[in-house]
Amino acid sequence: QTDLLEHRGAILNTSDASLTYNDIKVELSKNDYKILKMLLENKGKAVGREAIMARLWETDSYIDENTLTVNMTRLRKKLEAAGLAGFIVTKKGIGYMVT
């Protein structure tokens, strides 16, 4: 059995960490996948930056918040190129959510 998370026609397959939209496979890095999975599991709710950072970098050492911003920018560009512009929105002072 495969586990699929779907939103706006985009399908995240959790068994092989792939994203498909309009029959086009979007290349995801490990962090891209973790971010998308977390946001799709919390559809309709904003996910805090700290929570995302804790999932991405399971470490006690300090990770600069800009590192997450860079990851989000890269992921958004990939989604936009696939036709999924505005898929992830920023909730100022809170974090991110899928729309």
PDB file of N, CA and C in Angstrom:
ATOM      1  N   GLN A   1       0.846  -1.182   0.000  1.00  0.00           N
ATOM      2  CA  GLN A   1       0.000   0.000   0.000  1.00  0.00           C
ATOM      3  C   GLN A   1       0.891   1.245   0.000  1.00  0.00           C
ATOM      4  N   THR A   2       0.444   2.240  -0.753  1.00  0.00           N
ATOM      5  CA  THR A   2       1.206   3.486  -0.774  1.00  0.00           C
ATOM      6  C   THR A   2       0.449   4.537   0.010  1.00  0.00           C
ATOM      7  N   ASP A   3       1.190   5.401   0.614  1.00  0.00           N
ATOM      8  CA  ASP A   3       0.584   6.494   1.356  1.00  0.00           C
ATOM      9  C   ASP A   3       0.709   7.761   0.532  1.00  0.00           C
ATOM     10  N   LEU A   4      -0.439   8.337   0.194  1.00  0.00           N
ATOM     11  CA  LEU A   4      -0.454   9.528  -0.639  1.00  0.00           C
ATOM     12  C   LEU A   4      -1.076  10.687   0.124  1.00  0.00           C
ATOM     13  N   LEU A   5      -0.439  11.839   0.035  1.00  0.00           N
ATOM     14  CA  LEU A   5      -0.997  13.073   0.577  1.00  0.00           C
ATOM     15  C   LEU A   5      -1.294  13.950  -0.632  1.00  0.00           C
ATOM     16  N   GLU A   6      -2.562  14.355  -0.784  1.00  0.00           N
ATOM     17  CA  GLU A   6      -2.950  15.109  -1.974  1.00  0.00           C
ATOM     18  C   GLU A   6      -3.446  16.492  -1.588  1.00  0.00           C
ATOM     19  N   HIS A   7      -3.090  17.482  -2.401  1.00  0.00           N
ATOM     20  CA  HIS A   7      -3.585  18.842  -2.200  1.00  0.00           C
ATOM     21  C   HIS A   7      -3.502  19.578  -3.527  1.00  0.00           C
ATOM     22  N   ARG A   8      -4.627  20.181  -3.938  1.00  0.00           N
ATOM     23  CA  ARG A   8      -4.679  20.954  -5.194  1.00  0.00           C
ATOM     24  C   ARG A   8      -4.159  20.160  -6.393  1.00  0.00           C
ATOM     25  N   GLY A   9      -4.363  18.854  -6.385  1.00  0.00           N
ATOM     26  CA  GLY A   9      -3.927  18.029  -7.508  1.00  0.00           C
ATOM     27  C   GLY A   9      -2.490  17.560  -7.414  1.00  0.00           C
ATOM     28  N   ALA A  10      -1.756  18.081  -6.436  1.00  0.00           N
ATOM     29  CA  ALA A  10      -0.373  17.635  -6.225  1.00  0.00           C
ATOM     30  C   ALA A  10      -0.415  16.423  -5.307  1.00  0.00           C
ATOM     31  N   ILE A  11       0.323  15.386  -5.670  1.00  0.00           N
ATOM     32  CA  ILE A  11       0.316  14.150  -4.892  1.00  0.00           C
ATOM     33  C   ILE A  11       1.713  13.865  -4.355  1.00  0.00           C
ATOM     34  N   LEU A  12       1.812  13.838  -3.028  1.00  0.00           N
ATOM     35  CA  LEU A  12       3.067  13.495  -2.364  1.00  0.00           C
ATOM     36  C   LEU A  12       2.982  12.030  -1.967  1.00  0.00           C
ATOM     37  N   ASN A  13       3.864  11.231  -2.541  1.00  0.00           N
ATOM     38  CA  ASN A  13       3.905   9.801  -2.251  1.00  0.00           C
ATOM     39  C   ASN A  13       4.933   9.588  -1.148  1.00  0.00           C
ATOM     40  N   THR A  14       4.452   9.174   0.026  1.00  0.00           N
ATOM     41  CA  THR A  14       5.358   9.048   1.172  1.00  0.00           C
ATOM     42  C   THR A  14       6.176   7.761   1.137  1.00  0.00           C
ATOM     43  N   SER A  15       5.830   6.847   0.236  1.00  0.00           N
ATOM     44  CA  SER A  15       6.626   5.614   0.176  1.00  0.00           C
ATOM     45  C   SER A  15       7.906   5.806  -0.634  1.00  0.00           C
ATOM     46  N   ASP A  16       7.884   6.741  -1.606  1.00  0.00           N
ATOM     47  CA  ASP A  16       9.130   6.987  -2.357  1.00  0.00           C
ATOM     48  C   ASP A  16       9.546   8.463  -2.344  1.00  0.00           C
ATOM     49  N   ALA A  17       8.895   9.259  -1.484  1.00  0.00           N
ATOM     50  CA  ALA A  17       9.249  10.678  -1.300  1.00  0.00           C
ATOM     51  C   ALA A  17       9.207  11.473  -2.598  1.00  0.00           C
ATOM     52  N   SER A  18       8.191  11.186  -3.437  1.00  0.00           N
ATOM     53  CA  SER A  18       8.087  11.904  -4.703  1.00  0.00           C
ATOM     54  C   SER A  18       6.841  12.781  -4.727  1.00  0.00           C
ATOM     55  N   LEU A  19       6.909  13.847  -5.520  1.00  0.00           N
ATOM     56  CA  LEU A  19       5.767  14.729  -5.721  1.00  0.00           C
ATOM     57  C   LEU A  19       5.413  14.711  -7.195  1.00  0.00           C
ATOM     58  N   THR A  20       4.130  14.502  -7.484  1.00  0.00           N
ATOM     59  CA  THR A  20       3.655  14.487  -8.862  1.00  0.00           C
ATOM     60  C   THR A  20       2.532  15.496  -9.008  1.00  0.00           C
ATOM     61  N   TYR A  21       2.564  16.239 -10.112  1.00  0.00           N
ATOM     62  CA  TYR A  21       1.503  17.201 -10.405  1.00  0.00           C
ATOM     63  C   TYR A  21       1.303  17.209 -11.909  1.00  0.00           C
ATOM     64  N   ASN A  22       0.060  16.996 -12.355  1.00  0.00           N
ATOM     65  CA  ASN A  22      -0.236  16.922 -13.795  1.00  0.00           C
ATOM     66  C   ASN A  22       0.685  15.933 -14.502  1.00  0.00           C
ATOM     67  N   ASP A  23       0.885  14.775 -13.899  1.00  0.00           N
ATOM     68  CA  ASP A  23       1.735  13.713 -14.446  1.00  0.00           C
ATOM     69  C   ASP A  23       3.205  14.098 -14.566  1.00  0.00           C
ATOM     70  N   ILE A  24       3.591  15.192 -13.939  1.00  0.00           N
ATOM     71  CA  ILE A  24       4.998  15.611 -13.951  1.00  0.00           C
ATOM     72  C   ILE A  24       5.569  15.354 -12.564  1.00  0.00           C
ATOM     73  N   LYS A  25       6.700  14.664 -12.531  1.00  0.00           N
ATOM     74  CA  LYS A  25       7.364  14.389 -11.257  1.00  0.00           C
ATOM     75  C   LYS A  25       8.269  15.574 -10.912  1.00  0.00           C
ATOM     76  N   VAL A  26       8.101  16.089  -9.709  1.00  0.00           N
ATOM     77  CA  VAL A  26       8.907  17.216  -9.237  1.00  0.00           C
ATOM     78  C   VAL A  26      10.048  16.650  -8.400  1.00  0.00           C
ATOM     79  N   GLU A  27      11.284  17.017  -8.754  1.00  0.00           N
ATOM     80  CA  GLU A  27      12.445  16.541  -8.000  1.00  0.00           C
ATOM     81  C   GLU A  27      12.480  17.204  -6.633  1.00  0.00           C
ATOM     82  N   LEU A  28      12.513  16.398  -5.593  1.00  0.00           N
ATOM     83  CA  LEU A  28      12.542  16.919  -4.229  1.00  0.00           C
ATOM     84  C   LEU A  28      13.825  16.510  -3.521  1.00  0.00           C
ATOM     85  N   SER A  29      14.405  17.465  -2.804  1.00  0.00           N
ATOM     86  CA  SER A  29      15.522  17.117  -1.924  1.00  0.00           C
ATOM     87  C   SER A  29      14.915  16.501  -0.664  1.00  0.00           C
ATOM     88  N   LYS A  30      15.761  15.978   0.200  1.00  0.00           N
ATOM     89  CA  LYS A  30      15.286  15.388   1.449  1.00  0.00           C
ATOM     90  C   LYS A  30      14.531  16.436   2.281  1.00  0.00           C
ATOM     91  N   ASN A  31      15.068  17.651   2.334  1.00  0.00           N
ATOM     92  CA  ASN A  31      14.413  18.710   3.098  1.00  0.00           C
ATOM     93  C   ASN A  31      13.106  19.151   2.448  1.00  0.00           C
ATOM     94  N   ASP A  32      13.090  19.249   1.103  1.00  0.00           N
ATOM     95  CA  ASP A  32      11.853  19.593   0.394  1.00  0.00           C
ATOM     96  C   ASP A  32      10.749  18.631   0.806  1.00  0.00           C
ATOM     97  N   TYR A  33      11.085  17.348   0.770  1.00  0.00           N
ATOM     98  CA  TYR A  33      10.109  16.310   1.098  1.00  0.00           C
ATOM     99  C   TYR A  33       9.613  16.458   2.540  1.00  0.00           C
ATOM    100  N   LYS A  34      10.537  16.651   3.468  1.00  0.00           N
ATOM    101  CA  LYS A  34      10.150  16.770   4.882  1.00  0.00           C
ATOM    102  C   LYS A  34       9.240  17.979   5.109  1.00  0.00           C
ATOM    103  N   ILE A  35       9.567  19.101   4.452  1.00  0.00           N
ATOM    104  CA  ILE A  35       8.749  20.313   4.590  1.00  0.00           C
ATOM    105  C   ILE A  35       7.345  20.064   4.045  1.00  0.00           C
ATOM    106  N   LEU A  36       7.271  19.543   2.820  1.00  0.00           N
ATOM    107  CA  LEU A  36       5.964  19.304   2.199  1.00  0.00           C
ATOM    108  C   LEU A  36       5.125  18.326   3.004  1.00  0.00           C
ATOM    109  N   LYS A  37       5.749  17.258   3.467  1.00  0.00           N
ATOM    110  CA  LYS A  37       5.017  16.244   4.231  1.00  0.00           C
ATOM    111  C   LYS A  37       4.425  16.876   5.494  1.00  0.00           C
ATOM    112  N   MET A  38       5.225  17.664   6.174  1.00  0.00           N
ATOM    113  CA  MET A  38       4.764  18.302   7.406  1.00  0.00           C
ATOM    114  C   MET A  38       3.612  19.273   7.131  1.00  0.00           C
ATOM    115  N   LEU A  39       3.730  20.064   6.064  1.00  0.00           N
ATOM    116  CA  LEU A  39       2.679  21.029   5.733  1.00  0.00           C
ATOM    117  C   LEU A  39       1.401  20.321   5.290  1.00  0.00           C
ATOM    118  N   LEU A  40       1.538  19.262   4.494  1.00  0.00           N
ATOM    119  CA  LEU A  40       0.359  18.538   4.011  1.00  0.00           C
ATOM    120  C   LEU A  40      -0.331  17.765   5.133  1.00  0.00           C
ATOM    121  N   GLU A  41       0.434  17.300   6.101  1.00  0.00           N
ATOM    122  CA  GLU A  41      -0.158  16.614   7.256  1.00  0.00           C
ATOM    123  C   GLU A  41      -0.933  17.594   8.140  1.00  0.00           C
ATOM    124  N   ASN A  42      -0.633  18.874   7.997  1.00  0.00           N
ATOM    125  CA  ASN A  42      -1.289  19.916   8.798  1.00  0.00           C
ATOM    126  C   ASN A  42      -2.078  20.874   7.907  1.00  0.00           C
ATOM    127  N   LYS A  43      -2.647  20.331   6.832  1.00  0.00           N
ATOM    128  CA  LYS A  43      -3.390  21.143   5.865  1.00  0.00           C
ATOM    129  C   LYS A  43      -4.400  22.052   6.561  1.00  0.00           C
ATOM    130  N   GLY A  44      -4.407  23.326   6.168  1.00  0.00           N
ATOM    131  CA  GLY A  44      -5.357  24.262   6.752  1.00  0.00           C
ATOM    132  C   GLY A  44      -4.868  24.913   8.030  1.00  0.00           C
ATOM    133  N   LYS A  45      -3.713  24.455   8.525  1.00  0.00           N
ATOM    134  CA  LYS A  45      -3.140  25.049   9.742  1.00  0.00           C
ATOM    135  C   LYS A  45      -1.736  25.556   9.416  1.00  0.00           C
ATOM    136  N   ALA A  46      -1.366  26.639  10.072  1.00  0.00           N
ATOM    137  CA  ALA A  46      -0.004  27.139   9.910  1.00  0.00           C
ATOM    138  C   ALA A  46       0.931  26.296  10.769  1.00  0.00           C
ATOM    139  N   VAL A  47       2.080  25.947  10.195  1.00  0.00           N
ATOM    140  CA  VAL A  47       3.091  25.182  10.927  1.00  0.00           C
ATOM    141  C   VAL A  47       4.227  26.142  11.278  1.00  0.00           C
ATOM    142  N   GLY A  48       4.581  26.186  12.545  1.00  0.00           N
ATOM    143  CA  GLY A  48       5.601  27.113  13.021  1.00  0.00           C
ATOM    144  C   GLY A  48       6.981  26.831  12.446  1.00  0.00           C
ATOM    145  N   ARG A  49       7.733  27.899  12.255  1.00  0.00           N
ATOM    146  CA  ARG A  49       9.102  27.770  11.737  1.00  0.00           C
ATOM    147  C   ARG A  49       9.947  26.863  12.630  1.00  0.00           C
ATOM    148  N   GLU A  50       9.787  27.026  13.949  1.00  0.00           N
ATOM    149  CA  GLU A  50      10.580  26.228  14.892  1.00  0.00           C
ATOM    150  C   GLU A  50      10.285  24.740  14.729  1.00  0.00           C
ATOM    151  N   ALA A  51       9.005  24.415  14.542  1.00  0.00           N
ATOM    152  CA  ALA A  51       8.610  23.011  14.379  1.00  0.00           C
ATOM    153  C   ALA A  51       9.211  22.427  13.103  1.00  0.00           C
ATOM    154  N   ILE A  52       9.195  23.214  12.033  1.00  0.00           N
ATOM    155  CA  ILE A  52       9.772  22.745  10.764  1.00  0.00           C
ATOM    156  C   ILE A  52      11.276  22.561  10.925  1.00  0.00           C
ATOM    157  N   MET A  53      11.924  23.533  11.551  1.00  0.00           N
ATOM    158  CA  MET A  53      13.377  23.447  11.738  1.00  0.00           C
ATOM    159  C   MET A  53      13.749  22.236  12.586  1.00  0.00           C
ATOM    160  N   ALA A  54      12.942  21.948  13.613  1.00  0.00           N
ATOM    161  CA  ALA A  54      13.215  20.788  14.467  1.00  0.00           C
ATOM    162  C   ALA A  54      13.099  19.489  13.670  1.00  0.00           C
ATOM    163  N   ARG A  55      12.144  19.435  12.731  1.00  0.00           N
ATOM    164  CA  ARG A  55      11.963  18.235  11.908  1.00  0.00           C
ATOM    165  C   ARG A  55      13.109  18.080  10.900  1.00  0.00           C
ATOM    166  N   LEU A  56      13.556  19.204  10.338  1.00  0.00           N
ATOM    167  CA  LEU A  56      14.602  19.150   9.312  1.00  0.00           C
ATOM    168  C   LEU A  56      15.975  18.852   9.891  1.00  0.00           C
ATOM    169  N   TRP A  57      16.286  19.539  10.965  1.00  0.00           N
ATOM    170  CA  TRP A  57      17.622  19.407  11.547  1.00  0.00           C
ATOM    171  C   TRP A  57      17.469  18.907  12.967  1.00  0.00           C
ATOM    172  N   GLU A  58      17.393  17.608  13.121  1.00  0.00           N
ATOM    173  CA  GLU A  58      17.173  17.011  14.445  1.00  0.00           C
ATOM    174  C   GLU A  58      18.452  17.128  15.268  1.00  0.00           C
ATOM    175  N   THR A  59      18.696  18.344  15.695  1.00  0.00           N
ATOM    176  CA  THR A  59      19.935  18.631  16.402  1.00  0.00           C
ATOM    177  C   THR A  59      19.693  19.721  17.434  1.00  0.00           C
ATOM    178  N   ASP A  60      20.497  19.736  18.457  1.00  0.00           N
ATOM    179  CA  ASP A  60      20.396  20.787  19.461  1.00  0.00           C
ATOM    180  C   ASP A  60      21.244  21.993  19.078  1.00  0.00           C
ATOM    181  N   SER A  61      22.118  21.797  18.103  1.00  0.00           N
ATOM    182  CA  SER A  61      22.980  22.913  17.731  1.00  0.00           C
ATOM    183  C   SER A  61      22.163  23.979  17.002  1.00  0.00           C
ATOM    184  N   TYR A  62      22.639  25.200  17.097  1.00  0.00           N
ATOM    185  CA  TYR A  62      21.916  26.337  16.546  1.00  0.00           C
ATOM    186  C   TYR A  62      21.912  26.294  15.020  1.00  0.00           C
ATOM    187  N   ILE A  63      20.722  26.415  14.447  1.00  0.00           N
ATOM    188  CA  ILE A  63      20.579  26.519  12.994  1.00  0.00           C
ATOM    189  C   ILE A  63      20.022  27.907  12.708  1.00  0.00           C
ATOM    190  N   ASP A  64      20.685  28.639  11.835  1.00  0.00           N
ATOM    191  CA  ASP A  64      20.235  29.977  11.480  1.00  0.00           C
ATOM    192  C   ASP A  64      18.871  29.900  10.793  1.00  0.00           C
ATOM    193  N   GLU A  65      17.942  30.774  11.188  1.00  0.00           N
ATOM    194  CA  GLU A  65      16.610  30.780  10.575  1.00  0.00           C
ATOM    195  C   GLU A  65      16.673  31.038   9.078  1.00  0.00           C
ATOM    196  N   ASN A  66      17.706  31.754   8.630  1.00  0.00           N
ATOM    197  CA  ASN A  66      17.843  32.008   7.196  1.00  0.00           C
ATOM    198  C   ASN A  66      17.997  30.717   6.412  1.00  0.00           C
ATOM    199  N   THR A  67      18.535  29.688   7.057  1.00  0.00           N
ATOM    200  CA  THR A  67      18.695  28.393   6.398  1.00  0.00           C
ATOM    201  C   THR A  67      17.326  27.847   5.996  1.00  0.00           C
ATOM    202  N   LEU A  68      16.337  27.999   6.868  1.00  0.00           N
ATOM    203  CA  LEU A  68      14.982  27.556   6.539  1.00  0.00           C
ATOM    204  C   LEU A  68      14.407  28.415   5.419  1.00  0.00           C
ATOM    205  N   THR A  69      14.626  29.721   5.486  1.00  0.00           N
ATOM    206  CA  THR A  69      14.125  30.625   4.451  1.00  0.00           C
ATOM    207  C   THR A  69      14.673  30.231   3.084  1.00  0.00           C
ATOM    208  N   VAL A  70      15.955  29.911   3.029  1.00  0.00           N
ATOM    209  CA  VAL A  70      16.584  29.485   1.771  1.00  0.00           C
ATOM    210  C   VAL A  70      15.934  28.198   1.266  1.00  0.00           C
ATOM    211  N   ASN A  71      15.715  27.242   2.170  1.00  0.00           N
ATOM    212  CA  ASN A  71      15.060  25.985   1.798  1.00  0.00           C
ATOM    213  C   ASN A  71      13.653  26.232   1.258  1.00  0.00           C
ATOM    214  N   MET A  72      12.898  27.109   1.910  1.00  0.00           N
ATOM    215  CA  MET A  72      11.528  27.409   1.476  1.00  0.00           C
ATOM    216  C   MET A  72      11.530  28.079   0.108  1.00  0.00           C
ATOM    217  N   THR A  73      12.454  29.016  -0.103  1.00  0.00           N
ATOM    218  CA  THR A  73      12.539  29.716  -1.389  1.00  0.00           C
ATOM    219  C   THR A  73      12.824  28.727  -2.510  1.00  0.00           C
ATOM    220  N   ARG A  74      13.762  27.823  -2.283  1.00  0.00           N
ATOM    221  CA  ARG A  74      14.129  26.817  -3.274  1.00  0.00           C
ATOM    222  C   ARG A  74      12.938  25.905  -3.589  1.00  0.00           C
ATOM    223  N   LEU A  75      12.240  25.464  -2.544  1.00  0.00           N
ATOM    224  CA  LEU A  75      11.087  24.587  -2.715  1.00  0.00           C
ATOM    225  C   LEU A  75       9.971  25.304  -3.469  1.00  0.00           C
ATOM    226  N   ARG A  76       9.711  26.557  -3.114  1.00  0.00           N
ATOM    227  CA  ARG A  76       8.659  27.320  -3.799  1.00  0.00           C
ATOM    228  C   ARG A  76       8.971  27.473  -5.288  1.00  0.00           C
ATOM    229  N   LYS A  77      10.238  27.688  -5.632  1.00  0.00           N
ATOM    230  CA  LYS A  77      10.622  27.814  -7.042  1.00  0.00           C
ATOM    231  C   LYS A  77      10.346  26.522  -7.793  1.00  0.00           C
ATOM    232  N   LYS A  78      10.645  25.389  -7.173  1.00  0.00           N
ATOM    233  CA  LYS A  78      10.370  24.088  -7.796  1.00  0.00           C
ATOM    234  C   LYS A  78       8.873  23.904  -8.007  1.00  0.00           C
ATOM    235  N   LEU A  79       8.085  24.256  -6.993  1.00  0.00           N
ATOM    236  CA  LEU A  79       6.629  24.114  -7.084  1.00  0.00           C
ATOM    237  C   LEU A  79       6.065  25.040  -8.157  1.00  0.00           C
ATOM    238  N   GLU A  80       6.574  26.269  -8.198  1.00  0.00           N
ATOM    239  CA  GLU A  80       6.128  27.245  -9.187  1.00  0.00           C
ATOM    240  C   GLU A  80       6.432  26.761 -10.601  1.00  0.00           C
ATOM    241  N   ALA A  81       7.622  26.212 -10.795  1.00  0.00           N
ATOM    242  CA  ALA A  81       8.021  25.701 -12.111  1.00  0.00           C
ATOM    243  C   ALA A  81       7.107  24.566 -12.562  1.00  0.00           C
ATOM    244  N   ALA A  82       6.547  23.836 -11.591  1.00  0.00           N
ATOM    245  CA  ALA A  82       5.654  22.719 -11.907  1.00  0.00           C
ATOM    246  C   ALA A  82       4.207  23.182 -12.081  1.00  0.00           C
ATOM    247  N   GLY A  83       3.955  24.492 -11.882  1.00  0.00           N
ATOM    248  CA  GLY A  83       2.603  25.015 -12.027  1.00  0.00           C
ATOM    249  C   GLY A  83       1.865  25.172 -10.714  1.00  0.00           C
ATOM    250  N   LEU A  84       2.591  25.089  -9.612  1.00  0.00           N
ATOM    251  CA  LEU A  84       1.970  25.178  -8.284  1.00  0.00           C
ATOM    252  C   LEU A  84       2.348  26.473  -7.568  1.00  0.00           C
ATOM    253  N   ALA A  85       2.201  27.592  -8.261  1.00  0.00           N
ATOM    254  CA  ALA A  85       2.508  28.887  -7.649  1.00  0.00           C
ATOM    255  C   ALA A  85       1.571  29.135  -6.477  1.00  0.00           C
ATOM    256  N   GLY A  86       2.095  29.705  -5.402  1.00  0.00           N
ATOM    257  CA  GLY A  86       1.276  30.023  -4.238  1.00  0.00           C
ATOM    258  C   GLY A  86       0.841  28.819  -3.425  1.00  0.00           C
ATOM    259  N   PHE A  87       1.476  27.677  -3.647  1.00  0.00           N
ATOM    260  CA  PHE A  87       1.114  26.438  -2.942  1.00  0.00           C
ATOM    261  C   PHE A  87       1.410  26.564  -1.451  1.00  0.00           C
ATOM    262  N   ILE A  88       2.533  27.203  -1.139  1.00  0.00           N
ATOM    263  CA  ILE A  88       2.924  27.423   0.261  1.00  0.00           C
ATOM    264  C   ILE A  88       2.869  28.921   0.533  1.00  0.00           C
ATOM    265  N   VAL A  89       2.144  29.300   1.577  1.00  0.00           N
ATOM    266  CA  VAL A  89       2.091  30.714   1.946  1.00  0.00           C
ATOM    267  C   VAL A  89       2.761  30.921   3.301  1.00  0.00           C
ATOM    268  N   THR A  90       3.279  32.122   3.471  1.00  0.00           N
ATOM    269  CA  THR A  90       3.900  32.498   4.737  1.00  0.00           C
ATOM    270  C   THR A  90       2.849  33.142   5.621  1.00  0.00           C
ATOM    271  N   LYS A  91       2.767  32.694   6.851  1.00  0.00           N
ATOM    272  CA  LYS A  91       1.916  33.341   7.845  1.00  0.00           C
ATOM    273  C   LYS A  91       2.858  34.143   8.727  1.00  0.00           C
ATOM    274  N   LYS A  92       2.852  35.454   8.533  1.00  0.00           N
ATOM    275  CA  LYS A  92       3.792  36.338   9.228  1.00  0.00           C
ATOM    276  C   LYS A  92       3.806  36.093  10.736  1.00  0.00           C
ATOM    277  N   GLY A  93       4.994  35.904  11.260  1.00  0.00           N
ATOM    278  CA  GLY A  93       5.158  35.719  12.690  1.00  0.00           C
ATOM    279  C   GLY A  93       4.775  34.332  13.196  1.00  0.00           C
ATOM    280  N   ILE A  94       4.282  33.466  12.291  1.00  0.00           N
ATOM    281  CA  ILE A  94       3.883  32.119  12.714  1.00  0.00           C
ATOM    282  C   ILE A  94       4.723  31.069  12.002  1.00  0.00           C
ATOM    283  N   GLY A  95       4.558  30.992  10.684  1.00  0.00           N
ATOM    284  CA  GLY A  95       5.260  29.963   9.923  1.00  0.00           C
ATOM    285  C   GLY A  95       4.700  29.851   8.526  1.00  0.00           C
ATOM    286  N   TYR A  96       4.408  28.632   8.106  1.00  0.00           N
ATOM    287  CA  TYR A  96       3.982  28.380   6.732  1.00  0.00           C
ATOM    288  C   TYR A  96       2.775  27.455   6.707  1.00  0.00           C
ATOM    289  N   MET A  97       2.008  27.537   5.592  1.00  0.00           N
ATOM    290  CA  MET A  97       0.917  26.592   5.397  1.00  0.00           C
ATOM    291  C   MET A  97       0.651  26.404   3.911  1.00  0.00           C
ATOM    292  N   VAL A  98       0.022  25.282   3.559  1.00  0.00           N
ATOM    293  CA  VAL A  98      -0.369  25.060   2.169  1.00  0.00           C
ATOM    294  C   VAL A  98      -1.760  25.646   1.981  1.00  0.00           C
ATOM    295  N   THR A  99      -1.981  26.209   0.779  1.00  0.00           N
ATOM    296  CA  THR A  99      -3.292  26.791   0.477  1.00  0.00           C
ATOM    297  C   THR A  99      -3.834  26.225  -0.808  1.00  0.00           C
TER     298      THR A  99
END
